[in-house]
């Protein structure tokens, strides 16, 4: 995880890694799923449902959110909003927090963000009243996702 309170003493801004769909490095679904798997390996009698419920509570996620991960849908946009708001509180008022979102269709990591998902993520970021940083290799962000980002961020591509 990111230690927002500690980071705030050393920087002007923080990009919260709020990757809610990515099954890859720093992706919340990968990290939450790995934690569930690790708990089950440590206690062979622990059911997936019980481990998932524990992880949801530990991470402050909504009911059923971790249990939906095996379906490959990632987390809903509300998790992005919650994570950014939590980061803002932990960082304090002296440093700006930016939302990091993945808009990619990546060939290596099983992450393919549709235009609808991109729109939902961008709208979730707008609810936090923060800026955003598009993450990963920009070459893998489809033009339709860039276009939606430009429209919603008031960018004139004239």
Protein backbone atom coordinates (compact mmCIF):
# COMPACT_ATOMS: atom_id res chain seq x y z
CA UNK A 1 0.00 0.00 0.00
CA UNK A 2 0.89 3.63 -0.13
CA UNK A 3 1.67 5.38 3.14
CA UNK A 4 -0.04 8.66 2.30
CA UNK A 5 0.72 10.34 5.62
CA UNK A 6 4.44 9.61 5.28
CA UNK A 7 4.53 10.52 1.59
CA UNK A 8 2.85 13.86 2.29
CA UNK A 9 5.97 15.06 4.15
CA UNK A 10 8.18 14.51 1.11
CA UNK A 11 6.23 15.64 -1.94
CA UNK A 12 3.93 18.25 -3.43
CA UNK A 13 1.41 15.75 -4.79
CA UNK A 14 0.59 12.06 -4.58
CA UNK A 15 -0.92 9.88 -7.28
CA UNK A 16 -3.06 7.30 -5.50
CA UNK A 17 -2.81 4.01 -7.37
CA UNK A 18 -6.54 3.43 -7.65
CA UNK A 19 -6.49 0.79 -10.37
CA UNK A 20 -9.86 -0.88 -9.85
CA UNK A 21 -9.93 -3.17 -12.89
CA UNK A 22 -6.30 -4.19 -13.43
CA UNK A 23 -5.17 -7.70 -12.73
CA UNK A 24 -1.56 -6.61 -12.67
CA UNK A 25 1.02 -4.77 -10.56
CA UNK A 26 -0.55 -2.35 -8.09
CA UNK A 27 -4.05 -3.32 -9.23
CA UNK A 28 -6.50 -3.43 -6.32
CA UNK A 29 -8.17 -6.62 -7.66
CA UNK A 30 -4.82 -8.44 -7.84
CA UNK A 31 -3.80 -7.29 -4.36
CA UNK A 32 -7.16 -8.11 -2.73
CA UNK A 33 -7.37 -11.47 -4.50
CA UNK A 34 -3.81 -12.34 -3.49
CA UNK A 35 -4.58 -11.51 0.12
CA UNK A 36 -7.63 -13.80 0.04
CA UNK A 37 -5.53 -16.59 -1.50
CA UNK A 38 -2.77 -16.09 1.07
CA UNK A 39 -5.22 -16.33 3.95
CA UNK A 40 -6.65 -19.55 2.53
CA UNK A 41 -3.16 -21.04 2.10
CA UNK A 42 -2.35 -20.18 5.73
CA UNK A 43 -5.55 -21.86 6.94
CA UNK A 44 -6.76 -24.68 4.69
CA UNK A 45 -10.11 -24.77 6.49
CA UNK A 46 -10.91 -21.15 5.65
CA UNK A 47 -13.58 -20.79 2.96
CA UNK A 48 -13.20 -18.35 0.10
CA UNK A 49 -16.31 -16.49 1.26
CA UNK A 50 -15.01 -16.01 4.81
CA UNK A 51 -11.55 -14.90 3.62
CA UNK A 52 -13.17 -12.51 1.10
CA UNK A 53 -15.43 -11.06 3.80
CA UNK A 54 -12.41 -10.49 6.06
CA UNK A 55 -10.46 -8.76 3.27
CA UNK A 56 -13.47 -6.55 2.43
CA UNK A 57 -13.64 -5.39 6.03
CA UNK A 58 -9.88 -4.93 6.29
CA UNK A 59 -9.74 -2.81 3.14
CA UNK A 60 -13.00 -0.98 3.81
CA UNK A 61 -14.66 -2.32 0.67
CA UNK A 62 -18.37 -2.80 0.04
CA UNK A 63 -20.12 -6.10 0.69
CA UNK A 64 -19.62 -8.64 -2.06
CA UNK A 65 -16.92 -6.64 -3.84
CA UNK A 66 -14.09 -9.11 -3.24
CA UNK A 67 -16.31 -12.11 -3.91
CA UNK A 68 -16.95 -10.73 -7.43
CA UNK A 69 -13.24 -10.68 -8.29
CA UNK A 70 -13.02 -14.21 -9.69
CA UNK A 71 -15.51 -13.13 -12.38
CA UNK A 72 -12.80 -10.77 -13.64
CA UNK A 73 -14.89 -7.62 -13.43
CA UNK A 74 -12.73 -5.80 -10.92
CA UNK A 75 -14.19 -3.34 -8.47
CA UNK A 76 -17.04 -0.91 -9.11
CA UNK A 77 -16.24 2.82 -9.54
CA UNK A 78 -17.38 3.51 -5.96
CA UNK A 79 -14.21 1.74 -4.73
CA UNK A 80 -12.10 4.21 -6.73
CA UNK A 81 -13.96 7.12 -5.12
CA UNK A 82 -13.60 5.62 -1.64
CA UNK A 83 -9.87 4.94 -2.10
CA UNK A 84 -9.15 8.49 -3.28
CA UNK A 85 -11.15 10.03 -0.44
CA UNK A 86 -9.31 7.82 2.06
CA UNK A 87 -5.98 8.91 0.53
CA UNK A 88 -6.96 12.58 0.84
CA UNK A 89 -7.74 12.16 4.53
CA UNK A 90 -4.52 10.25 5.24
CA UNK A 91 -2.35 12.69 3.27
CA UNK A 92 -3.79 15.71 5.05
CA UNK A 93 -4.39 19.14 3.61
CA UNK A 94 -0.79 20.00 2.74
CA UNK A 95 -0.48 17.85 -0.36
CA UNK A 96 -2.63 17.36 -3.44
CA UNK A 97 -3.90 13.83 -4.12
CA UNK A 98 -4.45 12.80 -7.74
CA UNK A 99 -6.40 9.76 -8.89
CA UNK A 100 -4.49 7.15 -10.85
CA UNK A 101 -6.73 5.26 -13.26
CA UNK A 102 -6.09 2.65 -15.89
CA UNK A 103 -7.73 3.28 -19.25
CA UNK A 104 -5.69 0.67 -21.11
CA UNK A 105 -6.32 -2.33 -23.28
CA UNK A 106 -3.10 -4.09 -22.41
CA UNK A 107 -1.86 -7.19 -24.26
CA UNK A 108 0.24 -8.58 -21.38
CA UNK A 109 -1.90 -7.89 -18.32
CA UNK A 110 -5.52 -9.06 -18.60
CA UNK A 111 -6.84 -5.51 -18.48
CA UNK A 112 -9.19 -4.24 -21.14
CA UNK A 113 -11.07 -1.08 -20.21
CA UNK A 114 -14.18 -0.46 -22.27
CA UNK A 115 -15.39 3.02 -23.14
CA UNK A 116 -18.24 2.62 -20.63
CA UNK A 117 -15.81 1.63 -17.85
CA UNK A 118 -13.53 4.55 -18.77
CA UNK A 119 -16.49 6.94 -18.52
CA UNK A 120 -17.49 5.48 -15.14
CA UNK A 121 -13.95 5.80 -13.78
CA UNK A 122 -13.63 9.39 -14.99
CA UNK A 123 -16.98 10.26 -13.41
CA UNK A 124 -15.86 8.61 -10.14
CA UNK A 125 -12.72 10.76 -10.16
CA UNK A 126 -14.80 13.89 -10.75
CA UNK A 127 -16.77 13.06 -7.58
CA UNK A 128 -13.53 13.26 -5.58
CA UNK A 129 -12.70 16.75 -6.86
CA UNK A 130 -9.15 15.67 -7.68
CA UNK A 131 -7.07 15.67 -10.82
CA UNK A 132 -6.15 12.41 -12.45
CA UNK A 133 -3.21 10.66 -14.01
CA UNK A 134 -3.71 8.05 -16.68
CA UNK A 135 -1.46 5.16 -15.87
CA UNK A 136 0.66 2.56 -17.56
CA UNK A 137 1.87 2.72 -21.09
CA UNK A 138 -0.06 5.48 -22.81
CA UNK A 139 0.30 3.64 -26.11
CA UNK A 140 -2.22 1.06 -24.87
CA UNK A 141 -4.99 3.56 -24.13
CA UNK A 142 -7.55 3.36 -26.95
CA UNK A 143 -8.37 6.63 -28.70
CA UNK A 144 -12.04 6.37 -27.64
CA UNK A 145 -10.95 6.40 -23.99
CA UNK A 146 -8.69 9.41 -24.62
CA UNK A 147 -11.57 11.18 -26.36
CA UNK A 148 -13.86 10.59 -23.40
CA UNK A 149 -11.17 11.81 -21.04
CA UNK A 150 -10.71 15.00 -23.09
CA UNK A 151 -14.44 15.73 -23.21
CA UNK A 152 -14.87 15.21 -19.47
CA UNK A 153 -11.81 17.16 -18.48
CA UNK A 154 -12.70 20.18 -20.60
CA UNK A 155 -9.79 19.65 -22.98
CA UNK A 156 -10.25 21.20 -26.41
CA UNK A 157 -8.63 18.99 -29.02
CA UNK A 158 -9.81 21.29 -31.88
